[in-house]
Amino acid sequence: MAEKKRFLLRIDQRDYDALEKWADDELRSVNAQIELIIKKALKDSGRLKKNK
């Protein structure tokens, strides 16, 4: 598994609350939900390198 990079994310309270609800609905942590959203956006935009 690749090493994970830590960083601080400032987010509007209203956006965080919606994200937290979404994560709860899908039985994920907020962190896992953010990772899922980012990975999907990267994949959809063609910005991830293909695995060999």
N, C-alpha and C. Protein backbone atom coordinates (compact mmCIF):
# COMPACT_ATOMS: atom_id res chain seq x y z
N MET A 1 0.84 -1.18 0.00
CA MET A 1 0.00 0.00 0.00
C MET A 1 0.89 1.24 0.00
N ALA A 2 0.50 2.23 -0.76
CA ALA A 2 1.28 3.46 -0.85
C ALA A 2 1.21 4.24 0.45
N GLU A 3 2.29 4.96 0.73
CA GLU A 3 2.32 5.81 1.92
C GLU A 3 1.31 6.94 1.74
N LYS A 4 0.64 7.31 2.82
CA LYS A 4 -0.37 8.36 2.75
C LYS A 4 0.22 9.68 3.21
N LYS A 5 -0.11 10.72 2.50
CA LYS A 5 0.35 12.08 2.79
C LYS A 5 -0.69 12.75 3.68
N ARG A 6 -0.24 13.42 4.71
CA ARG A 6 -1.14 14.16 5.59
C ARG A 6 -1.13 15.63 5.21
N PHE A 7 -2.30 16.25 5.28
CA PHE A 7 -2.38 17.69 5.04
C PHE A 7 -3.63 18.24 5.72
N LEU A 8 -3.60 19.52 5.98
CA LEU A 8 -4.72 20.19 6.63
C LEU A 8 -5.70 20.66 5.57
N LEU A 9 -6.97 20.42 5.80
CA LEU A 9 -8.01 20.86 4.88
C LEU A 9 -8.98 21.75 5.63
N ARG A 10 -9.11 22.96 5.17
CA ARG A 10 -10.10 23.86 5.75
C ARG A 10 -11.35 23.78 4.86
N ILE A 11 -12.48 23.58 5.51
CA ILE A 11 -13.72 23.40 4.76
C ILE A 11 -14.84 24.11 5.49
N ASP A 12 -15.73 24.68 4.73
CA ASP A 12 -16.89 25.37 5.27
C ASP A 12 -17.71 24.41 6.14
N GLN A 13 -18.24 24.87 7.26
CA GLN A 13 -19.00 24.01 8.17
C GLN A 13 -20.19 23.37 7.48
N ARG A 14 -20.89 24.13 6.66
CA ARG A 14 -22.06 23.58 5.95
C ARG A 14 -21.65 22.44 5.02
N ASP A 15 -20.53 22.62 4.31
CA ASP A 15 -20.04 21.58 3.41
C ASP A 15 -19.60 20.36 4.21
N TYR A 16 -18.94 20.59 5.34
CA TYR A 16 -18.50 19.47 6.18
C TYR A 16 -19.69 18.67 6.69
N ASP A 17 -20.72 19.38 7.13
CA ASP A 17 -21.92 18.69 7.64
C ASP A 17 -22.54 17.80 6.57
N ALA A 18 -22.63 18.32 5.33
CA ALA A 18 -23.19 17.53 4.23
C ALA A 18 -22.29 16.33 3.93
N LEU A 19 -20.99 16.55 3.95
CA LEU A 19 -20.03 15.48 3.70
C LEU A 19 -20.11 14.41 4.80
N GLU A 20 -20.24 14.85 6.04
CA GLU A 20 -20.35 13.92 7.16
C GLU A 20 -21.62 13.08 7.04
N LYS A 21 -22.72 13.69 6.65
CA LYS A 21 -23.98 12.95 6.47
C LYS A 21 -23.83 11.93 5.35
N TRP A 22 -23.22 12.34 4.25
CA TRP A 22 -22.99 11.44 3.11
C TRP A 22 -22.14 10.26 3.54
N ALA A 23 -21.07 10.53 4.26
CA ALA A 23 -20.18 9.47 4.75
C ALA A 23 -20.94 8.52 5.68
N ASP A 24 -21.72 9.07 6.59
CA ASP A 24 -22.51 8.25 7.51
C ASP A 24 -23.49 7.36 6.74
N ASP A 25 -24.13 7.91 5.72
CA ASP A 25 -25.08 7.14 4.92
C ASP A 25 -24.42 5.95 4.24
N GLU A 26 -23.13 6.08 3.90
CA GLU A 26 -22.40 5.02 3.22
C GLU A 26 -21.46 4.25 4.15
N LEU A 27 -21.65 4.44 5.45
CA LEU A 27 -20.88 3.74 6.49
C LEU A 27 -19.37 3.92 6.33
N ARG A 28 -18.97 5.16 6.06
CA ARG A 28 -17.54 5.51 5.93
C ARG A 28 -17.22 6.64 6.89
N SER A 29 -15.93 6.80 7.15
CA SER A 29 -15.48 7.98 7.87
C SER A 29 -15.48 9.16 6.89
N VAL A 30 -15.43 10.36 7.42
CA VAL A 30 -15.35 11.53 6.55
C VAL A 30 -14.06 11.47 5.73
N ASN A 31 -12.97 11.06 6.35
CA ASN A 31 -11.70 10.95 5.64
C ASN A 31 -11.80 9.97 4.47
N ALA A 32 -12.38 8.81 4.70
CA ALA A 32 -12.53 7.81 3.64
C ALA A 32 -13.44 8.34 2.53
N GLN A 33 -14.47 9.09 2.90
CA GLN A 33 -15.37 9.65 1.90
C GLN A 33 -14.64 10.68 1.03
N ILE A 34 -13.82 11.51 1.64
CA ILE A 34 -13.05 12.49 0.88
C ILE A 34 -12.09 11.79 -0.08
N GLU A 35 -11.41 10.74 0.40
CA GLU A 35 -10.51 9.97 -0.46
C GLU A 35 -11.27 9.37 -1.65
N LEU A 36 -12.43 8.82 -1.40
CA LEU A 36 -13.24 8.22 -2.46
C LEU A 36 -13.63 9.26 -3.52
N ILE A 37 -14.06 10.42 -3.06
CA ILE A 37 -14.46 11.49 -3.97
C ILE A 37 -13.28 11.96 -4.81
N ILE A 38 -12.13 12.14 -4.18
CA ILE A 38 -10.93 12.59 -4.90
C ILE A 38 -10.50 11.56 -5.92
N LYS A 39 -10.45 10.28 -5.52
CA LYS A 39 -10.03 9.22 -6.46
C LYS A 39 -10.98 9.14 -7.65
N LYS A 40 -12.29 9.25 -7.41
CA LYS A 40 -13.26 9.20 -8.51
C LYS A 40 -13.06 10.39 -9.45
N ALA A 41 -12.86 11.57 -8.90
CA ALA A 41 -12.65 12.76 -9.72
C ALA A 41 -11.37 12.64 -10.55
N LEU A 42 -10.30 12.12 -9.95
CA LEU A 42 -9.04 11.92 -10.68
C LEU A 42 -9.21 10.90 -11.81
N LYS A 43 -9.92 9.82 -11.51
CA LYS A 43 -10.16 8.79 -12.53
C LYS A 43 -11.02 9.34 -13.67
N ASP A 44 -12.10 10.02 -13.31
CA ASP A 44 -13.02 10.55 -14.32
C ASP A 44 -12.35 11.59 -15.22
N SER A 45 -11.37 12.31 -14.69
CA SER A 45 -10.70 13.34 -15.47
C SER A 45 -9.49 12.80 -16.23
N GLY A 46 -9.20 11.50 -16.05
CA GLY A 46 -8.06 10.89 -16.75
C GLY A 46 -6.72 11.29 -16.19
N ARG A 47 -6.67 11.70 -14.94
CA ARG A 47 -5.42 12.18 -14.35
C ARG A 47 -4.66 11.12 -13.55
N LEU A 48 -5.23 9.94 -13.41
CA LEU A 48 -4.50 8.85 -12.74
C LEU A 48 -3.73 8.04 -13.75
N LYS A 49 -2.51 7.66 -13.37
CA LYS A 49 -1.71 6.80 -14.25
C LYS A 49 -2.30 5.41 -14.24
N LYS A 50 -2.29 4.75 -15.37
CA LYS A 50 -2.81 3.39 -15.47
C LYS A 50 -1.86 2.42 -14.75
N ASN A 51 -2.42 1.46 -14.04
CA ASN A 51 -1.61 0.41 -13.40
C ASN A 51 -1.18 -0.60 -14.44
N LYS A 52 0.07 -1.04 -14.33
CA LYS A 52 0.59 -2.03 -15.29
C LYS A 52 0.37 -3.42 -14.80
